[in-house]
Protein backbone atom coordinates (compact mmCIF):
# COMPACT_ATOMS: atom_id res chain seq x y z
CA MET A 1 -0.21 0.14 0.15
CA ALA A 2 1.30 3.18 -0.73
CA ARG A 3 2.28 5.87 1.50
CA THR A 4 0.02 8.55 2.33
CA ARG A 5 1.04 12.47 3.16
CA PRO A 6 -0.86 14.42 5.47
CA LEU A 7 -3.12 16.71 3.87
CA PRO A 8 -3.66 20.35 5.35
CA PHE A 9 -5.60 21.38 2.31
CA PRO A 10 -9.01 19.95 3.13
CA LEU A 11 -9.04 20.29 6.74
CA VAL A 12 -7.82 23.74 6.73
CA LEU A 13 -10.47 24.72 4.22
CA GLY A 14 -13.15 22.60 5.64
CA LEU A 15 -13.59 20.67 2.37
CA MET A 16 -13.59 17.38 4.05
CA ARG A 17 -15.04 16.02 7.18
CA SER A 18 -12.61 14.04 9.21
CA GLY A 19 -11.75 10.62 8.43
CA GLU A 20 -12.41 11.02 4.83
CA ALA A 21 -8.86 12.62 4.24
CA GLY A 22 -7.34 9.21 3.67
CA ASP A 23 -9.43 8.14 0.90
CA TRP A 24 -9.41 11.46 -0.93
CA VAL A 25 -5.78 11.55 -0.77
CA ARG A 26 -5.63 7.84 -2.24
CA GLN A 27 -7.85 8.55 -4.92
CA GLY A 28 -5.33 11.54 -6.29
CA GLY A 29 -7.04 14.57 -4.79
CA PHE A 30 -3.69 16.00 -2.73
CA GLU A 31 -2.23 16.12 -6.59
CA ILE A 32 -5.39 17.87 -7.97
CA VAL A 33 -5.02 20.41 -5.33
CA ARG A 34 -1.25 20.68 -5.40
CA ILE A 35 -1.39 21.27 -9.22
CA ALA A 36 -4.39 23.79 -9.04
CA VAL A 37 -2.43 25.95 -6.16
CA ALA A 38 0.74 25.64 -8.22
CA SER A 39 -1.26 26.96 -11.27
CA ILE A 40 -3.01 29.90 -9.64
CA LEU A 41 0.43 31.00 -7.84
CA LEU A 42 1.95 30.77 -11.30
CA CYS A 43 -0.92 32.85 -13.15
CA LEU A 44 -0.52 35.42 -10.37
CA SER A 45 2.95 35.72 -10.45
CA VAL A 46 3.08 36.07 -14.12
CA SER A 47 0.50 38.60 -14.29
CA ALA A 48 1.45 40.63 -11.22
CA CYS A 49 2.84 43.90 -13.08
CA GLY A 50 4.88 42.15 -15.36
CA GLY A 51 6.05 38.64 -15.13
CA GLY A 52 9.67 39.02 -16.04
CA GLU A 53 11.99 40.71 -18.79
CA SER A 54 9.88 41.46 -21.67
CA GLU A 55 11.53 40.46 -25.40
CA GLU A 56 12.18 43.67 -27.47
CA PRO A 57 10.71 43.85 -30.98
CA ALA A 58 12.90 42.72 -33.80
CA GLY A 59 15.02 45.57 -35.23
CA GLU A 60 14.52 47.60 -32.12
CA GLU A 61 16.93 48.15 -29.10
CA SER A 62 15.93 49.99 -25.88
CA SER A 63 18.22 51.43 -23.47
CA GLY A 64 15.49 51.57 -20.59
CA GLY A 65 16.13 55.46 -20.29
CA GLU A 66 15.22 58.28 -22.98
CA ALA A 67 14.41 57.76 -26.25
CA GLU A 68 17.06 57.92 -28.57
CA GLY A 69 17.24 60.32 -31.48
CA GLY A 70 14.47 62.43 -30.14
CA GLY A 71 12.02 59.64 -31.73
CA ALA A 72 8.39 59.08 -31.08
CA TYR A 73 8.60 59.50 -27.29
CA GLU A 74 9.79 63.29 -27.38
CA GLY A 75 7.34 66.38 -27.10
CA PRO A 76 5.66 67.84 -24.34
CA ILE A 77 2.29 66.65 -22.53
CA THR A 78 -0.33 67.08 -24.96
CA SER A 79 -3.60 66.47 -22.52
CA THR A 80 -4.80 68.36 -19.22
CA ASP A 81 -7.30 65.83 -18.63
CA VAL A 82 -6.19 64.88 -15.17
CA ALA A 83 -9.21 63.26 -13.85
CA GLN A 84 -8.78 60.46 -17.08
CA GLY A 85 -5.29 59.99 -16.23
CA LYS A 86 -5.98 59.36 -12.68
CA GLU A 87 -8.82 56.68 -13.84
CA VAL A 88 -6.07 55.12 -16.34
CA PHE A 89 -3.50 55.39 -13.37
CA GLU A 90 -6.02 53.44 -11.25
CA THR A 91 -6.56 50.99 -13.77
CA HIS A 92 -3.15 50.33 -14.99
CA CYS A 93 -0.59 51.54 -12.43
CA GLU A 94 -1.93 51.72 -8.78
CA ASP A 95 -1.41 48.06 -7.69
CA CYS A 96 2.65 48.30 -8.39
CA HIS A 97 2.81 52.06 -7.70
CA PRO A 98 0.42 52.72 -5.03
CA GLY A 99 -0.17 56.63 -5.08
CA GLY A 100 2.77 56.93 -6.90
CA GLU A 101 5.07 55.37 -4.12
CA GLU A 102 7.11 52.37 -4.21
CA ASP A 103 5.76 48.75 -3.73
CA VAL A 104 6.07 46.36 -6.56
CA GLY A 105 7.26 48.97 -8.88
CA PRO A 106 9.82 51.48 -7.65
CA SER A 107 8.55 55.15 -6.53
CA LEU A 108 7.65 57.53 -9.24
CA ILE A 109 7.24 60.29 -7.13
CA ALA A 110 11.08 59.97 -5.59
CA ASP A 111 12.34 59.59 -8.71
CA PRO A 112 10.40 61.46 -11.40
CA HIS A 113 11.10 61.20 -15.00
CA THR A 114 10.85 63.36 -18.40
CA PRO A 115 7.76 62.64 -20.13
CA SER A 116 9.52 61.08 -22.94
CA ALA A 117 10.84 58.67 -20.61
CA LEU A 118 7.76 57.96 -19.05
CA ARG A 119 6.12 57.34 -22.69
CA GLN A 120 9.02 55.25 -23.33
CA GLN A 121 8.61 53.08 -19.93
CA ILE A 122 4.93 52.59 -20.43
CA ARG A 123 5.25 51.45 -24.12
CA GLU A 124 8.12 49.59 -23.92
CA GLY A 125 8.49 48.11 -20.34
CA SER A 126 11.67 46.86 -18.77
CA GLY A 127 12.62 44.69 -15.84
CA LYS A 128 9.29 43.54 -14.08
CA MET A 129 7.33 46.23 -15.83
CA ARG A 130 5.32 44.82 -19.00
CA PRO A 131 4.96 47.12 -21.98
CA PHE A 132 1.40 48.72 -22.43
CA PRO A 133 1.03 48.94 -26.11
CA GLU A 134 -1.56 51.12 -27.56
CA LYS A 135 -4.10 48.69 -27.62
CA ARG A 136 -4.19 48.56 -23.70
CA ILE A 137 -3.44 52.35 -23.15
CA SER A 138 -4.37 54.59 -26.24
CA GLY A 139 -1.94 57.67 -26.83
CA GLU A 140 -4.88 59.99 -25.90
CA ASP A 141 -5.24 58.01 -22.16
CA LEU A 142 -1.10 58.00 -21.99
CA GLU A 143 -1.32 61.73 -22.31
CA ALA A 144 -4.01 61.74 -19.51
CA LEU A 145 -1.75 59.72 -17.86
CA LEU A 146 0.88 61.70 -17.80
CA ALA A 147 -1.21 65.13 -17.25
CA TYR A 148 -2.03 63.23 -13.92
CA LEU A 149 1.57 62.18 -13.03
CA GLN A 150 2.66 65.62 -13.27
CA THR A 151 -0.05 66.54 -10.42
CA ILE A 152 1.83 64.21 -7.78
CA ASN A 153 5.31 65.22 -9.10
CA ALA A 154 6.54 62.15 -10.90
CA VAL A 155 7.29 64.04 -13.88
CA LYS A 156 10.29 66.52 -14.09
């Protein structure tokens, strides 16, 4: 007879009455729970503010800083819609930068960046931060986000 391991999950979660846990383990229930928990943890870790290094599109290189050659990221902030920017921030940024402060991501306020550096970081991502393409944050919403970030002193 195969040895069974003690199973805390059904007992802690109240899913099994005492005495049934042994039968449940022998029927493979522990493996199902273990795989389900591992899958959930993997999904959460991958979706939480990135999930690792992002690959650069072919032919494009990023230094992670200012846009090179004055490219598409240069220019002043073109929106004054702070309310819309705050909404965009709360939807896409708040989890990793609560109130613009450090958490999963770095503080936006302690080390403010130029509008072009923020545009590049948002569009291309780096480190743990995933990129936000135009289909997720439109150009208009990106500019509104920058207008909001300016009000919390995250833009220099």
